[in-house]
Amino acid sequence: SSVRGACTLTRRDLKYWLRLLRFTVFVLVAFPACAFVLLPLYLAFVYAAPVPSIVTRPADLGFPVEDVEFIGGDDLTLRAWYTPPRGDALIILLHGYFSNRLQLRFQAEVLASAGYGLLMVDERASGESDGTQRALGWPDVADIRGALDFLNSRRCDASTTTGCVRWVGIAGCSIGGQIALRAAAQYPDIQAVLADGPSMVSAADFPPPDTWFAALMTPHQWLIDRFLELRTGLSAPPTIMETIHTIAPRPILLIAGSTVDPIFSGEVVRIRQYQQAAGSNAQLWEVPGGRHCDGPAVAPAEYARRMLDFFDAASR
């Protein structure tokens, strides 16, 4: 009798431990799976939210600017600073995702000191520009059409050859770099593109993964894309990889931080892929020790020299 009781107790214990094991496996699988879905859902709402800010002209800004506005896509009013060129070449400047036109102050001061005109734009639903939602730059290319139309009113004619616009380039950081590349692919008015740390349009822009974390990022971004489509009512446009080759033969300068992390990888892996897809008209500068859009802080003199050399050669 006592032996049977001991056996019964053992079987009962086994059932308990099996239930505990099943519950533990469920928690270990279900919790990360839910987190993997909930985080992209949260990020889709963050990426869609506007980021307005008051843009105050710094007292020590090294060049004059005029407050201007123009009509972009969806009839949105976009606001910018305009600086006329001392010659006839102008650069449109586009900032990163959670910023405004002042983010590219370094680039603007270098270019203005060399005589380039500037159009420093607050992207839609950012800075002082209108808009109630963003979408990873997806609709922003139409806004650049509005910028080009505005610049057409400042074009040179037979009687004016300086202080007006004959030649237009574009430069952007992060999302701004991505928008710049896609705008150049669509609008032949843009004669040269500098894209510093250009981000992806969607998951299809990710290169083959080189770390376990990078392998997780593609499905993660795919979910963000789908949730963002649902949140905004927009569809993801063609990717950088699909469109960058159409910019040729116009020149492209891609800039990427050279740092590659053993877990998180690095932007340079993706941007090398962009260069290969673009063709021989694209060059890539890998900023030593750089990470993302920090070339002006990491290597300011080299950054300024390369940027000016690039636009000087393109605008001749």
Protein backbone atom coordinates (compact mmCIF):
# COMPACT_ATOMS: atom_id res chain seq x y z
CA SER A 1 0.00 0.00 0.00
CA SER A 2 2.76 2.42 0.91
CA VAL A 3 4.60 1.61 -2.34
CA ARG A 4 1.51 2.34 -4.43
CA GLY A 5 1.08 5.65 -2.57
CA ALA A 6 4.64 6.61 -3.35
CA CYS A 7 4.15 5.78 -7.04
CA THR A 8 0.93 7.80 -7.12
CA LEU A 9 2.71 10.77 -5.55
CA THR A 10 5.51 10.53 -8.11
CA ARG A 11 3.07 10.53 -11.02
CA ARG A 12 1.31 13.53 -9.53
CA ASP A 13 4.60 15.35 -9.22
CA LEU A 14 5.43 14.51 -12.82
CA LYS A 15 2.16 15.99 -14.03
CA TYR A 16 2.83 19.12 -12.02
CA TRP A 17 6.29 19.55 -13.48
CA LEU A 18 5.01 18.92 -17.00
CA ARG A 19 2.35 21.61 -16.57
CA LEU A 20 4.97 23.99 -15.21
CA LEU A 21 7.25 23.21 -18.14
CA ARG A 22 4.46 23.84 -20.67
CA PHE A 23 3.61 27.14 -18.97
CA THR A 24 7.27 28.20 -18.95
CA VAL A 25 7.67 27.37 -22.66
CA PHE A 26 4.48 29.30 -23.42
CA VAL A 27 5.75 32.36 -21.56
CA LEU A 28 9.18 32.17 -23.18
CA VAL A 29 7.66 31.94 -26.65
CA ALA A 30 4.51 34.06 -26.34
CA PHE A 31 6.01 37.03 -24.51
CA PRO A 32 8.78 37.73 -27.06
CA ALA A 33 6.32 37.11 -29.90
CA CYS A 34 3.88 39.66 -28.45
CA ALA A 35 6.70 42.11 -27.81
CA PHE A 36 7.94 41.64 -31.38
CA VAL A 37 4.50 42.64 -32.66
CA LEU A 38 3.70 45.36 -30.12
CA LEU A 39 6.98 47.23 -30.58
CA PRO A 40 6.49 47.71 -34.36
CA LEU A 41 2.91 48.78 -33.69
CA TYR A 42 4.12 51.37 -31.19
CA LEU A 43 6.88 52.58 -33.53
CA ALA A 44 4.41 52.95 -36.40
CA PHE A 45 2.45 55.45 -34.29
CA VAL A 46 5.66 57.24 -33.24
CA TYR A 47 6.89 57.46 -36.83
CA ALA A 48 3.53 58.81 -38.00
CA ALA A 49 3.24 61.52 -35.33
CA PRO A 50 4.14 65.12 -36.26
CA VAL A 51 7.15 66.78 -34.60
CA PRO A 52 6.49 70.53 -34.80
CA SER A 53 9.03 72.96 -33.38
CA ILE A 54 9.73 76.66 -33.40
CA VAL A 55 12.78 77.36 -35.56
CA THR A 56 14.61 80.40 -34.24
CA ARG A 57 17.31 81.96 -36.36
CA PRO A 58 20.59 81.77 -34.37
CA ALA A 59 22.12 85.17 -33.71
CA ASP A 60 25.52 83.89 -34.84
CA LEU A 61 24.31 82.27 -38.06
CA GLY A 62 27.05 82.94 -40.57
CA PHE A 63 24.90 83.84 -43.56
CA PRO A 64 21.68 85.76 -44.31
CA VAL A 65 18.39 83.90 -44.71
CA GLU A 66 14.93 84.83 -45.90
CA ASP A 67 11.82 83.17 -44.45
CA VAL A 68 9.96 81.59 -47.36
CA GLU A 69 7.21 79.04 -47.90
CA PHE A 70 6.03 76.92 -50.78
CA ILE A 71 3.28 74.42 -51.53
CA GLY A 72 4.26 70.75 -51.42
CA GLY A 73 2.31 67.57 -51.98
CA ASP A 74 -1.24 67.33 -50.61
CA ASP A 75 -1.32 71.18 -50.83
CA LEU A 76 0.71 71.40 -47.62
CA THR A 77 2.58 74.60 -46.88
CA LEU A 78 6.25 73.94 -46.20
CA ARG A 79 8.49 76.55 -44.61
CA ALA A 80 12.15 77.13 -45.23
CA TRP A 81 15.05 79.55 -45.20
CA TYR A 82 16.28 80.79 -48.54
CA THR A 83 19.74 82.19 -49.19
CA PRO A 84 20.46 83.45 -52.73
CA PRO A 85 23.69 82.20 -54.31
CA ARG A 86 26.62 84.50 -54.92
CA GLY A 87 26.97 82.68 -58.23
CA ASP A 88 24.11 80.63 -59.63
CA ALA A 89 24.22 77.23 -57.86
CA LEU A 90 21.91 76.28 -54.99
CA ILE A 91 21.60 73.28 -52.66
CA ILE A 92 18.34 72.06 -51.10
CA LEU A 93 19.02 70.80 -47.54
CA LEU A 94 16.87 68.13 -45.86
CA HIS A 95 17.11 67.18 -42.17
CA GLY A 96 16.66 63.90 -40.29
CA TYR A 97 13.41 62.46 -38.99
CA PHE A 98 12.95 64.03 -35.55
CA SER A 99 14.57 67.37 -36.32
CA ASN A 100 14.18 70.58 -38.33
CA ARG A 101 16.13 72.71 -40.80
CA LEU A 102 18.75 73.70 -38.19
CA GLN A 103 20.13 70.15 -38.05
CA LEU A 104 22.15 70.82 -41.21
CA ARG A 105 23.57 74.12 -39.99
CA PHE A 106 27.16 72.89 -40.44
CA GLN A 107 26.57 71.94 -44.08
CA ALA A 108 24.69 75.19 -44.67
CA GLU A 109 27.45 77.40 -43.28
CA VAL A 110 30.14 75.60 -45.29
CA LEU A 111 28.15 75.82 -48.51
CA ALA A 112 27.08 79.43 -48.00
CA SER A 113 30.65 80.49 -47.27
CA ALA A 114 31.62 78.98 -50.64
CA GLY A 115 28.93 81.00 -52.43
CA TYR A 116 26.19 78.39 -52.79
CA GLY A 117 22.59 79.39 -52.38
CA LEU A 118 20.50 77.41 -49.92
CA LEU A 119 16.95 76.25 -49.42
CA MET A 120 16.84 74.83 -45.88
CA VAL A 121 13.53 73.01 -45.65
CA ASP A 122 11.42 71.90 -42.70
CA GLU A 123 9.98 68.61 -43.95
CA ARG A 124 6.24 67.96 -43.68
CA ALA A 125 4.85 67.73 -40.14
CA SER A 126 8.27 68.81 -38.86
CA GLY A 127 9.63 72.13 -37.63
CA GLU A 128 7.33 74.92 -38.80
CA SER A 129 5.91 73.13 -41.85
CA ASP A 130 2.30 72.03 -42.04
CA GLY A 131 1.14 68.44 -41.84
CA THR A 132 -0.59 66.16 -39.38
CA GLN A 133 1.35 62.97 -40.05
CA ARG A 134 4.68 61.65 -41.32
CA ALA A 135 5.47 58.30 -42.92
CA LEU A 136 9.22 57.57 -43.08
CA GLY A 137 9.57 60.04 -45.95
CA TRP A 138 7.17 58.12 -48.20
CA PRO A 139 5.07 61.12 -49.34
CA ASP A 140 7.85 63.71 -49.10
CA VAL A 141 9.17 63.47 -52.65
CA ALA A 142 6.13 65.44 -53.85
CA ASP A 143 7.18 68.19 -51.44
CA ILE A 144 10.52 68.47 -53.23
CA ARG A 145 8.62 69.09 -56.45
CA GLY A 146 7.12 72.08 -54.66
CA ALA A 147 10.59 73.25 -53.64
CA LEU A 148 11.78 73.01 -57.24
CA ASP A 149 8.76 74.96 -58.44
CA PHE A 150 9.58 77.66 -55.87
CA LEU A 151 13.18 77.79 -57.11
CA ASN A 152 11.96 78.17 -60.69
CA SER A 153 10.76 81.62 -59.67
CA ARG A 154 14.37 82.45 -58.75
CA ARG A 155 15.86 81.10 -61.98
CA CYS A 156 18.47 83.05 -63.94
CA ASP A 157 17.45 84.71 -67.18
CA ALA A 158 19.35 86.52 -69.92
CA SER A 159 19.63 89.70 -67.86
CA THR A 160 20.63 88.08 -64.55
CA THR A 161 23.44 85.57 -64.14
CA THR A 162 24.43 85.92 -60.48
CA GLY A 163 22.36 85.90 -57.32
CA CYS A 164 19.84 83.67 -59.11
CA VAL A 165 19.44 79.93 -59.58
CA ARG A 166 20.73 78.08 -62.63
CA TRP A 167 21.85 74.79 -61.06
CA VAL A 168 20.23 72.81 -58.21
CA GLY A 169 21.75 70.09 -56.05
CA ILE A 170 20.29 68.40 -52.98
CA ALA A 171 21.74 67.12 -49.71
CA GLY A 172 20.15 65.32 -46.79
CA CYS A 173 20.88 63.42 -43.62
CA SER A 174 19.18 60.14 -42.60
CA ILE A 175 15.53 60.31 -43.77
CA GLY A 176 16.51 63.55 -45.52
CA GLY A 177 19.15 61.62 -47.46
CA GLN A 178 16.62 58.97 -48.40
CA ILE A 179 14.16 61.62 -49.62
CA ALA A 180 16.96 63.35 -51.55
CA LEU A 181 17.88 60.15 -53.41
CA ARG A 182 14.28 59.35 -54.29
CA ALA A 183 13.61 62.94 -55.37
CA ALA A 184 16.66 62.93 -57.64
CA ALA A 185 15.45 59.65 -59.17
CA GLN A 186 12.12 61.31 -59.98
CA TYR A 187 13.11 64.88 -60.89
CA PRO A 188 15.86 65.52 -63.47
CA ASP A 189 16.01 69.17 -62.32
CA ILE A 190 18.19 67.92 -59.45
CA GLN A 191 21.74 67.75 -60.79
CA ALA A 192 23.66 66.13 -57.91
CA VAL A 193 22.87 64.35 -54.63
CA LEU A 194 24.72 64.13 -51.33
CA ALA A 195 23.09 61.58 -49.02
CA ASP A 196 24.58 61.26 -45.53
CA GLY A 197 23.45 58.09 -43.75
CA PRO A 198 20.41 57.67 -46.03
CA SER A 199 17.84 55.47 -44.33
CA MET A 200 15.84 52.68 -45.90
CA VAL A 201 12.41 53.23 -47.42
CA SER A 202 11.11 49.90 -46.20
CA ALA A 203 12.31 46.45 -45.15
CA ALA A 204 13.18 45.64 -48.77
CA ASP A 205 16.15 48.04 -48.51
CA PHE A 206 17.87 45.92 -45.84
CA PRO A 207 20.99 44.06 -47.01
CA PRO A 208 21.48 40.35 -46.27
CA PRO A 209 21.99 40.13 -42.49
CA ASP A 210 25.52 39.85 -41.12
CA THR A 211 24.58 39.50 -37.43
CA TRP A 212 21.76 37.79 -35.53
CA PHE A 213 20.30 41.20 -34.63
CA ALA A 214 20.35 42.31 -38.26
CA ALA A 215 18.49 39.09 -39.14
CA LEU A 216 15.72 40.14 -36.75
CA MET A 217 15.53 43.66 -38.15
CA THR A 218 14.09 42.75 -41.57
CA PRO A 219 10.87 41.09 -40.26
CA HIS A 220 10.70 43.77 -37.56
CA GLN A 221 10.82 46.54 -40.19
CA TRP A 222 8.37 44.64 -42.38
CA LEU A 223 5.84 44.79 -39.53
CA ILE A 224 6.52 48.51 -39.02
CA ASP A 225 5.88 49.07 -42.73
CA ARG A 226 2.55 47.25 -42.60
CA PHE A 227 1.39 49.01 -39.42
CA LEU A 228 2.47 52.38 -40.83
CA GLU A 229 0.46 51.72 -44.00
CA LEU A 230 -2.59 50.98 -41.85
CA ARG A 231 -1.97 54.02 -39.65
CA THR A 232 -1.47 56.53 -42.49
CA GLY A 233 -3.49 55.06 -45.36
CA LEU A 234 -0.37 55.24 -47.56
CA SER A 235 1.53 52.50 -49.36
CA ALA A 236 5.27 52.09 -49.15
CA PRO A 237 6.82 53.56 -52.33
CA PRO A 238 9.56 51.94 -54.44
CA THR A 239 12.74 51.45 -52.46
CA ILE A 240 16.17 53.03 -52.79
CA MET A 241 17.47 49.75 -54.20
CA GLU A 242 14.82 49.86 -56.92
CA THR A 243 15.29 53.50 -57.91
CA ILE A 244 18.84 54.71 -57.20
CA HIS A 245 20.21 53.47 -60.53
CA THR A 246 17.89 55.85 -62.41
CA ILE A 247 19.81 58.88 -61.09
CA ALA A 248 22.73 58.11 -63.43
CA PRO A 249 24.62 59.81 -64.96
CA ARG A 250 24.10 62.56 -62.37
CA PRO A 251 26.67 62.24 -59.55
CA ILE A 252 25.93 60.87 -56.08
CA LEU A 253 28.02 61.20 -52.93
CA LEU A 254 27.00 58.70 -50.26
CA ILE A 255 28.36 59.13 -46.73
CA ALA A 256 28.29 56.47 -44.04
CA GLY A 257 29.79 56.01 -40.60
CA SER A 258 32.43 53.28 -40.81
CA THR A 259 31.67 51.79 -37.39
CA VAL A 260 30.37 48.22 -37.53
CA ASP A 261 29.11 46.70 -34.27
CA PRO A 262 29.42 42.90 -33.83
CA ILE A 263 25.77 42.74 -32.72
CA PHE A 264 23.98 45.70 -34.30
CA SER A 265 26.05 45.80 -37.51
CA GLY A 266 26.25 49.31 -38.99
CA GLU A 267 24.75 51.62 -41.58
CA VAL A 268 27.78 51.27 -43.83
CA VAL A 269 26.71 47.73 -44.76
CA ARG A 270 23.42 49.02 -46.18
CA ILE A 271 24.94 52.08 -47.84
CA ARG A 272 27.62 50.02 -49.60
CA GLN A 273 24.69 48.14 -51.11
CA TYR A 274 23.19 51.46 -52.27
CA GLN A 275 26.47 52.38 -53.96
CA GLN A 276 26.61 49.08 -55.82
CA ALA A 277 23.01 49.49 -56.99
CA ALA A 278 23.61 53.09 -58.10
CA GLY A 279 26.46 52.42 -60.52
CA SER A 280 29.70 54.15 -61.38
CA ASN A 281 28.25 57.66 -60.88
CA ALA A 282 28.11 57.05 -57.10
CA GLN A 283 31.00 57.41 -54.69
CA LEU A 284 31.04 56.45 -51.02
CA TRP A 285 32.94 58.09 -48.18
CA GLU A 286 33.10 55.97 -45.04
CA VAL A 287 33.71 58.37 -42.16
CA PRO A 288 36.42 56.85 -39.92
CA GLY A 289 34.93 56.21 -36.49
CA GLY A 290 31.60 57.66 -37.57
CA ARG A 291 28.19 56.17 -36.86
CA HIS A 292 25.20 58.09 -38.25
CA CYS A 293 25.25 61.62 -39.69
CA ASP A 294 28.05 62.58 -37.29
CA GLY A 295 30.71 63.36 -39.90
CA PRO A 296 30.56 67.12 -39.13
CA ALA A 297 31.48 66.32 -35.51
CA VAL A 298 33.92 63.45 -36.15
CA ALA A 299 35.79 64.85 -39.16
CA PRO A 300 34.57 68.43 -39.84
CA ALA A 301 37.44 69.58 -42.07
CA GLU A 302 37.35 66.43 -44.21
CA TYR A 303 33.56 66.55 -44.40
CA ALA A 304 33.61 70.17 -45.58
CA ARG A 305 36.33 69.48 -48.16
CA ARG A 306 34.62 66.43 -49.63
CA MET A 307 31.23 68.13 -49.78
CA LEU A 308 32.60 71.21 -51.54
CA ASP A 309 34.77 69.18 -53.92
CA PHE A 310 31.72 67.12 -54.86
CA PHE A 311 29.34 70.02 -55.51
CA ASP A 312 32.06 72.16 -57.16
CA ALA A 313 32.84 69.39 -59.66
CA ALA A 314 29.14 68.69 -60.32
CA SER A 315 28.11 72.33 -60.81
CA ARG A 316 30.85 73.38 -63.23
